[in-house]
Amino acid sequence: MVRAARPLAAFVLLLLLMSASWPATALAQDEDALLLVANPALRDLDFRETVLIAAPAPNGGYIGVILNRPTRRSLASLFPEHEPSKKVIDPVYYGGPFSRDALVALVKTDAAPGAGTVQIMKNLYMAFRVNTIDQVIESRPNDARYYVGYVGWRPGELQAEIDRGLWSVLAPDLNIVFRKDMDGLWEEMLQQTKRIRAENLGPRFRGDGDPYAAARTAAFSKVIFEPR
């Protein structure tokens, strides 16, 4: 996953992800969006026990946000002079370590909410541009979820992390994205990935006491991940 340690590095990588050749709205196919469930062995403070949604970026990488990290801050507390922000009910979420000082939004809508957006899946767009996010806040404040920071992967990076077994992959679900109570989401999704692996791999490959189970899990995730 991409880390943004310095503002300049973050800005340069953002330009790479959102290249000049990217149209105002870039469309992703439903099957390309991924729900990523962190492996229990992933101890990184930013990603431990997380569930992410990610979709292809035009440069061949992936871009997404952490779904289950609500903060204690409201949007109104971040923008006290912006009256429409007071209408947002949900807290602001921590979306990831890339551009932590940037606000992005996942918007539930059947059409692009404005320029500088990526279609994550059907009826779900990620908005990056300030003007577009402002318009969403002013016109449909609670049809979106707001995040500080996000996650980006260069081409091949997410595939490599899945190959290493860092993430299990599930199909995205709009209800999960906008779930009100995120407590326990990671545990629920983890159990779901275990159940799917058991059903698909059969008893011989469930890995109880098997030192090669992690390798098979990574291989199975790769099969799910690779495009048809």
C-alpha atoms as a PDB file:
ATOM      1  CA  MET A   1       0.000   0.000   0.000  1.00  0.00           C
ATOM      2  CA  VAL A   2       1.172   3.510  -0.678  1.00  0.00           C
ATOM      3  CA  ARG A   3       2.332   5.602   2.267  1.00  0.00           C
ATOM      4  CA  ALA A   4       2.373   9.394   2.161  1.00  0.00           C
ATOM      5  CA  ALA A   5       5.126  10.369   4.551  1.00  0.00           C
ATOM      6  CA  ARG A   6       5.660  13.840   3.056  1.00  0.00           C
ATOM      7  CA  PRO A   7       3.145  16.311   1.597  1.00  0.00           C
ATOM      8  CA  LEU A   8       5.151  16.660  -1.641  1.00  0.00           C
ATOM      9  CA  ALA A   9       5.335  12.887  -2.114  1.00  0.00           C
ATOM     10  CA  ALA A  10       1.615  12.621  -1.459  1.00  0.00           C
ATOM     11  CA  PHE A  11       0.866  15.313  -4.025  1.00  0.00           C
ATOM     12  CA  VAL A  12       3.057  13.696  -6.673  1.00  0.00           C
ATOM     13  CA  LEU A  13       1.451  10.294  -6.142  1.00  0.00           C
ATOM     14  CA  LEU A  14      -2.022  11.824  -6.264  1.00  0.00           C
ATOM     15  CA  LEU A  15      -1.141  13.271  -9.671  1.00  0.00           C
ATOM     16  CA  LEU A  16      -0.034   9.821 -10.809  1.00  0.00           C
ATOM     17  CA  LEU A  17      -3.233   8.191  -9.601  1.00  0.00           C
ATOM     18  CA  MET A  18      -5.405  10.968 -10.988  1.00  0.00           C
ATOM     19  CA  SER A  19      -3.439  11.534 -14.206  1.00  0.00           C
ATOM     20  CA  ALA A  20      -4.192  14.241 -16.745  1.00  0.00           C
ATOM     21  CA  SER A  21      -5.576  11.616 -19.098  1.00  0.00           C
ATOM     22  CA  TRP A  22      -8.234  10.706 -16.519  1.00  0.00           C
ATOM     23  CA  PRO A  23     -11.648  11.995 -17.604  1.00  0.00           C
ATOM     24  CA  ALA A  24     -13.787  14.022 -15.213  1.00  0.00           C
ATOM     25  CA  THR A  25     -15.433  10.767 -14.149  1.00  0.00           C
ATOM     26  CA  ALA A  26     -13.631   7.442 -14.471  1.00  0.00           C
ATOM     27  CA  LEU A  27     -15.861   4.379 -14.506  1.00  0.00           C
ATOM     28  CA  ALA A  28     -15.006   1.054 -12.849  1.00  0.00           C
ATOM     29  CA  GLN A  29     -16.809  -2.206 -13.569  1.00  0.00           C
ATOM     30  CA  ASP A  30     -18.719  -3.742 -10.664  1.00  0.00           C
ATOM     31  CA  GLU A  31     -16.530  -6.847 -10.655  1.00  0.00           C
ATOM     32  CA  ASP A  32     -13.383  -4.727 -10.346  1.00  0.00           C
ATOM     33  CA  ALA A  33     -14.356  -3.212  -6.987  1.00  0.00           C
ATOM     34  CA  LEU A  34     -13.020  -5.166  -4.015  1.00  0.00           C
ATOM     35  CA  LEU A  35     -13.832  -5.483  -0.341  1.00  0.00           C
ATOM     36  CA  LEU A  36     -10.519  -6.134   1.418  1.00  0.00           C
ATOM     37  CA  VAL A  37     -10.381  -7.797   4.825  1.00  0.00           C
ATOM     38  CA  ALA A  38      -7.115  -7.504   6.730  1.00  0.00           C
ATOM     39  CA  ASN A  39      -5.376 -10.712   7.738  1.00  0.00           C
ATOM     40  CA  PRO A  40      -5.143 -11.025  11.550  1.00  0.00           C
ATOM     41  CA  ALA A  41      -1.362 -11.182  11.144  1.00  0.00           C
ATOM     42  CA  LEU A  42      -1.311  -7.688   9.612  1.00  0.00           C
ATOM     43  CA  ARG A  43      -0.136  -5.580  12.560  1.00  0.00           C
ATOM     44  CA  ASP A  44       0.388  -2.236  10.824  1.00  0.00           C
ATOM     45  CA  LEU A  45      -1.282   0.381  13.030  1.00  0.00           C
ATOM     46  CA  ASP A  46      -3.099   1.951  10.094  1.00  0.00           C
ATOM     47  CA  PHE A  47      -4.495  -1.322   8.749  1.00  0.00           C
ATOM     48  CA  ARG A  48      -4.824  -3.821  11.577  1.00  0.00           C
ATOM     49  CA  GLU A  49      -8.376  -5.214  11.838  1.00  0.00           C
ATOM     50  CA  THR A  50      -9.614  -3.107   8.945  1.00  0.00           C
ATOM     51  CA  VAL A  51     -12.063  -3.554   6.087  1.00  0.00           C
ATOM     52  CA  LEU A  52     -11.412  -1.514   2.958  1.00  0.00           C
ATOM     53  CA  ILE A  53     -13.202  -0.863  -0.301  1.00  0.00           C
ATOM     54  CA  ALA A  54     -10.958  -0.384  -3.329  1.00  0.00           C
ATOM     55  CA  ALA A  55     -11.408   0.118  -7.059  1.00  0.00           C
ATOM     56  CA  PRO A  56      -9.108   0.461 -10.078  1.00  0.00           C
ATOM     57  CA  ALA A  57      -7.437   3.804 -10.707  1.00  0.00           C
ATOM     58  CA  PRO A  58      -6.761   4.935 -14.278  1.00  0.00           C
ATOM     59  CA  ASN A  59      -3.000   4.464 -13.874  1.00  0.00           C
ATOM     60  CA  GLY A  60      -3.439   0.711 -13.329  1.00  0.00           C
ATOM     61  CA  GLY A  61      -3.237   0.893  -9.548  1.00  0.00           C
ATOM     62  CA  TYR A  62      -6.036   0.840  -7.006  1.00  0.00           C
ATOM     63  CA  ILE A  63      -7.549   3.475  -4.763  1.00  0.00           C
ATOM     64  CA  GLY A  64      -9.878   3.157  -1.781  1.00  0.00           C
ATOM     65  CA  VAL A  65     -10.669   3.921   1.850  1.00  0.00           C
ATOM     66  CA  ILE A  66     -10.833   2.155   5.201  1.00  0.00           C
ATOM     67  CA  LEU A  67     -14.495   1.614   6.080  1.00  0.00           C
ATOM     68  CA  ASN A  68     -14.402   0.801   9.790  1.00  0.00           C
ATOM     69  CA  ARG A  69     -12.378   3.611  11.370  1.00  0.00           C
ATOM     70  CA  PRO A  70     -14.826   6.294  12.562  1.00  0.00           C
ATOM     71  CA  THR A  71     -13.235   9.228  14.351  1.00  0.00           C
ATOM     72  CA  ARG A  72     -14.716  11.249  17.194  1.00  0.00           C
ATOM     73  CA  ARG A  73     -14.925  14.335  15.022  1.00  0.00           C
ATOM     74  CA  SER A  74     -17.971  15.605  13.192  1.00  0.00           C
ATOM     75  CA  LEU A  75     -17.751  17.348   9.848  1.00  0.00           C
ATOM     76  CA  ALA A  76     -19.088  20.489  11.510  1.00  0.00           C
ATOM     77  CA  SER A  77     -16.204  20.448  13.997  1.00  0.00           C
ATOM     78  CA  LEU A  78     -13.729  20.401  11.104  1.00  0.00           C
ATOM     79  CA  PHE A  79     -15.519  23.197   9.246  1.00  0.00           C
ATOM     80  CA  PRO A  80     -17.300  25.238  11.943  1.00  0.00           C
ATOM     81  CA  GLU A  81     -18.018  28.164   9.620  1.00  0.00           C
ATOM     82  CA  HIS A  82     -19.615  25.971   6.943  1.00  0.00           C
ATOM     83  CA  GLU A  83     -23.284  25.850   7.877  1.00  0.00           C
ATOM     84  CA  PRO A  84     -24.272  22.874   5.621  1.00  0.00           C
ATOM     85  CA  SER A  85     -21.687  20.658   7.386  1.00  0.00           C
ATOM     86  CA  LYS A  86     -23.861  20.781  10.512  1.00  0.00           C
ATOM     87  CA  LYS A  87     -26.461  18.663   8.689  1.00  0.00           C
ATOM     88  CA  VAL A  88     -24.103  15.667   8.384  1.00  0.00           C
ATOM     89  CA  ILE A  89     -25.101  13.082  10.977  1.00  0.00           C
ATOM     90  CA  ASP A  90     -22.299  10.509  10.752  1.00  0.00           C
ATOM     91  CA  PRO A  91     -18.821  11.208  12.120  1.00  0.00           C
ATOM     92  CA  VAL A  92     -15.848  11.756   9.849  1.00  0.00           C
ATOM     93  CA  TYR A  93     -13.953   8.517   9.155  1.00  0.00           C
ATOM     94  CA  TYR A  94     -10.238   7.856   8.879  1.00  0.00           C
ATOM     95  CA  GLY A  95      -9.842   6.730   5.281  1.00  0.00           C
ATOM     96  CA  GLY A  96      -6.156   5.902   5.210  1.00  0.00           C
ATOM     97  CA  PRO A  97      -2.596   7.193   5.558  1.00  0.00           C
ATOM     98  CA  PHE A  98      -2.415   8.876   2.153  1.00  0.00           C
ATOM     99  CA  SER A  99      -3.059  12.657   2.265  1.00  0.00           C
ATOM    100  CA  ARG A 100      -4.366  12.653   5.822  1.00  0.00           C
ATOM    101  CA  ASP A 101      -5.180  16.359   5.563  1.00  0.00           C
ATOM    102  CA  ALA A 102      -7.424  15.811   2.526  1.00  0.00           C
ATOM    103  CA  LEU A 103     -11.175  15.216   2.699  1.00  0.00           C
ATOM    104  CA  VAL A 104     -12.699  12.638   0.342  1.00  0.00           C
ATOM    105  CA  ALA A 105     -16.261  11.378   0.155  1.00  0.00           C
ATOM    106  CA  LEU A 106     -18.035   8.190  -0.838  1.00  0.00           C
ATOM    107  CA  VAL A 107     -21.293   9.321  -2.390  1.00  0.00           C
ATOM    108  CA  LYS A 108     -24.362   7.125  -2.809  1.00  0.00           C
ATOM    109  CA  THR A 109     -25.872   8.213  -6.126  1.00  0.00           C
ATOM    110  CA  ASP A 110     -26.864   6.785  -9.494  1.00  0.00           C
ATOM    111  CA  ALA A 111     -24.877   9.417 -11.432  1.00  0.00           C
ATOM    112  CA  ALA A 112     -21.511  11.113 -10.997  1.00  0.00           C
ATOM    113  CA  PRO A 113     -21.869  13.890  -8.403  1.00  0.00           C
ATOM    114  CA  GLY A 114     -19.386  16.129 -10.226  1.00  0.00           C
ATOM    115  CA  ALA A 115     -15.885  16.421 -11.613  1.00  0.00           C
ATOM    116  CA  GLY A 116     -12.966  14.602 -10.030  1.00  0.00           C
ATOM    117  CA  THR A 117     -14.864  11.445  -9.100  1.00  0.00           C
ATOM    118  CA  VAL A 118     -14.267   7.724  -9.518  1.00  0.00           C
ATOM    119  CA  GLN A 119     -17.093   5.215  -9.785  1.00  0.00           C
ATOM    120  CA  ILE A 120     -16.306   2.571  -7.197  1.00  0.00           C
ATOM    121  CA  MET A 121     -19.303   0.360  -7.974  1.00  0.00           C
ATOM    122  CA  LYS A 122     -22.903   0.738  -9.026  1.00  0.00           C
ATOM    123  CA  ASN A 123     -24.447   3.728  -7.233  1.00  0.00           C
ATOM    124  CA  LEU A 124     -21.200   4.571  -5.410  1.00  0.00           C
ATOM    125  CA  TYR A 125     -18.671   7.251  -6.328  1.00  0.00           C
ATOM    126  CA  MET A 126     -15.546   8.536  -4.625  1.00  0.00           C
ATOM    127  CA  ALA A 127     -15.186  12.317  -4.801  1.00  0.00           C
ATOM    128  CA  PHE A 128     -11.839  14.094  -4.452  1.00  0.00           C
ATOM    129  CA  ARG A 129     -12.379  17.666  -5.630  1.00  0.00           C
ATOM    130  CA  VAL A 130     -13.267  20.263  -3.013  1.00  0.00           C
ATOM    131  CA  ASN A 131     -15.970  21.870  -5.134  1.00  0.00           C
ATOM    132  CA  THR A 132     -17.687  18.545  -5.766  1.00  0.00           C
ATOM    133  CA  ILE A 133     -17.581  17.556  -2.093  1.00  0.00           C
ATOM    134  CA  ASP A 134     -18.955  20.971  -1.110  1.00  0.00           C
ATOM    135  CA  GLN A 135     -21.822  20.494  -3.549  1.00  0.00           C
ATOM    136  CA  VAL A 136     -22.589  17.082  -2.054  1.00  0.00           C
ATOM    137  CA  ILE A 137     -22.564  18.487   1.486  1.00  0.00           C
ATOM    138  CA  GLU A 138     -24.875  21.315   0.483  1.00  0.00           C
ATOM    139  CA  SER A 139     -27.344  19.262  -1.570  1.00  0.00           C
ATOM    140  CA  ARG A 140     -27.336  15.715  -0.129  1.00  0.00           C
ATOM    141  CA  PRO A 141     -25.240  15.780   3.066  1.00  0.00           C
ATOM    142  CA  ASN A 142     -26.280  12.361   4.383  1.00  0.00           C
ATOM    143  CA  ASP A 143     -26.068  10.495   1.071  1.00  0.00           C
ATOM    144  CA  ALA A 144     -22.313  10.412   1.552  1.00  0.00           C
ATOM    145  CA  ARG A 145     -19.680   9.354   4.038  1.00  0.00           C
ATOM    146  CA  TYR A 146     -16.682  11.609   4.581  1.00  0.00           C
ATOM    147  CA  TYR A 147     -13.092  10.504   5.143  1.00  0.00           C
ATOM    148  CA  VAL A 148      -9.808  12.150   6.013  1.00  0.00           C
ATOM    149  CA  GLY A 149      -7.136  10.459   3.928  1.00  0.00           C
ATOM    150  CA  TYR A 150      -7.395   7.419   1.711  1.00  0.00           C
ATOM    151  CA  VAL A 151      -5.324   4.481   0.443  1.00  0.00           C
ATOM    152  CA  GLY A 152      -3.543   4.140  -2.888  1.00  0.00           C
ATOM    153  CA  TRP A 153      -1.665   1.281  -4.536  1.00  0.00           C
ATOM    154  CA  ARG A 154       0.661   1.596  -7.515  1.00  0.00           C
ATOM    155  CA  PRO A 155       0.199  -0.897 -10.369  1.00  0.00           C
ATOM    156  CA  GLY A 156       0.834  -4.422  -9.094  1.00  0.00           C
ATOM    157  CA  GLU A 157       1.105  -3.492  -5.395  1.00  0.00           C
ATOM    158  CA  LEU A 158      -2.328  -4.652  -4.296  1.00  0.00           C
ATOM    159  CA  GLN A 159      -1.950  -7.916  -6.199  1.00  0.00           C
ATOM    160  CA  ALA A 160       1.387  -8.486  -4.445  1.00  0.00           C
ATOM    161  CA  GLU A 161      -0.167  -7.849  -1.025  1.00  0.00           C
ATOM    162  CA  ILE A 162      -2.975 -10.307  -1.755  1.00  0.00           C
ATOM    163  CA  ASP A 163      -0.428 -12.870  -2.947  1.00  0.00           C
ATOM    164  CA  ARG A 164       1.347 -12.459   0.401  1.00  0.00           C
ATOM    165  CA  GLY A 165      -1.924 -13.154   2.220  1.00  0.00           C
ATOM    166  CA  LEU A 166      -2.259  -9.681   3.746  1.00  0.00           C
ATOM    167  CA  TRP A 167      -5.849  -9.311   2.466  1.00  0.00           C
ATOM    168  CA  SER A 168      -8.796 -11.576   1.857  1.00  0.00           C
ATOM    169  CA  VAL A 169     -11.129 -10.470  -0.924  1.00  0.00           C
ATOM    170  CA  LEU A 170     -14.927 -10.271  -0.880  1.00  0.00           C
ATOM    171  CA  ALA A 171     -17.482  -8.754  -3.246  1.00  0.00           C
ATOM    172  CA  PRO A 172     -18.362  -5.159  -2.298  1.00  0.00           C
ATOM    173  CA  ASP A 173     -21.716  -4.357  -0.736  1.00  0.00           C
ATOM    174  CA  LEU A 174     -23.229  -0.874  -0.547  1.00  0.00           C
ATOM    175  CA  ASN A 175     -24.938  -1.739   2.747  1.00  0.00           C
ATOM    176  CA  ILE A 176     -21.563  -2.501   4.312  1.00  0.00           C
ATOM    177  CA  VAL A 177     -20.095   0.780   3.074  1.00  0.00           C
ATOM    178  CA  PHE A 178     -22.842   2.803   4.772  1.00  0.00           C
ATOM    179  CA  ARG A 179     -23.378   0.594   7.784  1.00  0.00           C
ATOM    180  CA  LYS A 180     -24.089   2.750  10.832  1.00  0.00           C
ATOM    181  CA  ASP A 181     -22.332   0.687  13.490  1.00  0.00           C
ATOM    182  CA  MET A 182     -18.891  -0.441  12.347  1.00  0.00           C
ATOM    183  CA  ASP A 183     -18.092  -2.239  15.607  1.00  0.00           C
ATOM    184  CA  GLY A 184     -17.472  -5.886  14.856  1.00  0.00           C
ATOM    185  CA  LEU A 185     -17.394  -5.429  11.065  1.00  0.00           C
ATOM    186  CA  TRP A 186     -13.871  -6.797  10.692  1.00  0.00           C
ATOM    187  CA  GLU A 187     -14.654  -9.887  12.760  1.00  0.00           C
ATOM    188  CA  GLU A 188     -17.828 -10.546  10.739  1.00  0.00           C
ATOM    189  CA  MET A 189     -16.072 -10.156   7.389  1.00  0.00           C
ATOM    190  CA  LEU A 190     -13.174 -12.324   8.557  1.00  0.00           C
ATOM    191  CA  GLN A 191     -15.550 -15.135   9.457  1.00  0.00           C
ATOM    192  CA  GLN A 192     -17.206 -14.747   6.069  1.00  0.00           C
ATOM    193  CA  THR A 193     -13.892 -15.130   4.235  1.00  0.00           C
ATOM    194  CA  LYS A 194     -13.095 -18.243   6.288  1.00  0.00           C
ATOM    195  CA  ARG A 195     -16.486 -19.721   5.481  1.00  0.00           C
ATOM    196  CA  ILE A 196     -16.106 -19.023   1.761  1.00  0.00           C
ATOM    197  CA  ARG A 197     -12.636 -20.567   1.684  1.00  0.00           C
ATOM    198  CA  ALA A 198     -13.885 -23.663   3.500  1.00  0.00           C
ATOM    199  CA  GLU A 199     -16.821 -24.042   1.118  1.00  0.00           C
ATOM    200  CA  ASN A 200     -14.713 -23.611  -1.997  1.00  0.00           C
ATOM    201  CA  LEU A 201     -11.571 -25.463  -0.992  1.00  0.00           C
ATOM    202  CA  GLY A 202     -13.238 -28.376   0.773  1.00  0.00           C
ATOM    203  CA  PRO A 203     -12.214 -30.252   3.941  1.00  0.00           C
ATOM    204  CA  ARG A 204      -8.775 -31.260   2.653  1.00  0.00           C
ATOM    205  CA  PHE A 205      -7.748 -27.639   2.227  1.00  0.00           C
ATOM    206  CA  ARG A 206      -9.131 -25.974   5.313  1.00  0.00           C
ATOM    207  CA  GLY A 207      -5.674 -25.846   6.805  1.00  0.00           C
ATOM    208  CA  ASP A 208      -6.246 -26.984  10.369  1.00  0.00           C
ATOM    209  CA  GLY A 209      -2.747 -27.527  11.697  1.00  0.00           C
ATOM    210  CA  ASP A 210      -1.344 -27.322   8.156  1.00  0.00           C
ATOM    211  CA  PRO A 211       1.830 -25.205   7.747  1.00  0.00           C
ATOM    212  CA  TYR A 212       0.995 -24.628   4.072  1.00  0.00           C
ATOM    213  CA  ALA A 213      -2.480 -23.235   4.745  1.00  0.00           C
ATOM    214  CA  ALA A 214      -1.377 -19.605   4.458  1.00  0.00           C
ATOM    215  CA  ALA A 215       0.134 -20.213   1.027  1.00  0.00           C
ATOM    216  CA  ARG A 216      -3.061 -21.856  -0.217  1.00  0.00           C
ATOM    217  CA  THR A 217      -5.130 -18.994   1.202  1.00  0.00           C
ATOM    218  CA  ALA A 218      -2.997 -16.481  -0.689  1.00  0.00           C
ATOM    219  CA  ALA A 219      -3.341 -18.512  -3.880  1.00  0.00           C
ATOM    220  CA  PHE A 220      -7.113 -18.668  -3.472  1.00  0.00           C
ATOM    221  CA  SER A 221      -7.271 -14.905  -2.963  1.00  0.00           C
ATOM    222  CA  LYS A 222      -5.267 -14.473  -6.161  1.00  0.00           C
ATOM    223  CA  VAL A 223      -7.812 -16.518  -8.088  1.00  0.00           C
ATOM    224  CA  ILE A 224     -10.614 -14.282  -6.784  1.00  0.00           C
ATOM    225  CA  PHE A 225      -8.663 -11.120  -7.522  1.00  0.00           C
ATOM    226  CA  GLU A 226      -7.457 -11.742 -11.065  1.00  0.00           C
ATOM    227  CA  PRO A 227      -9.813 -10.425 -13.773  1.00  0.00           C
ATOM    228  CA  ARG A 228     -11.782 -12.888 -15.775  1.00  0.00           C
END
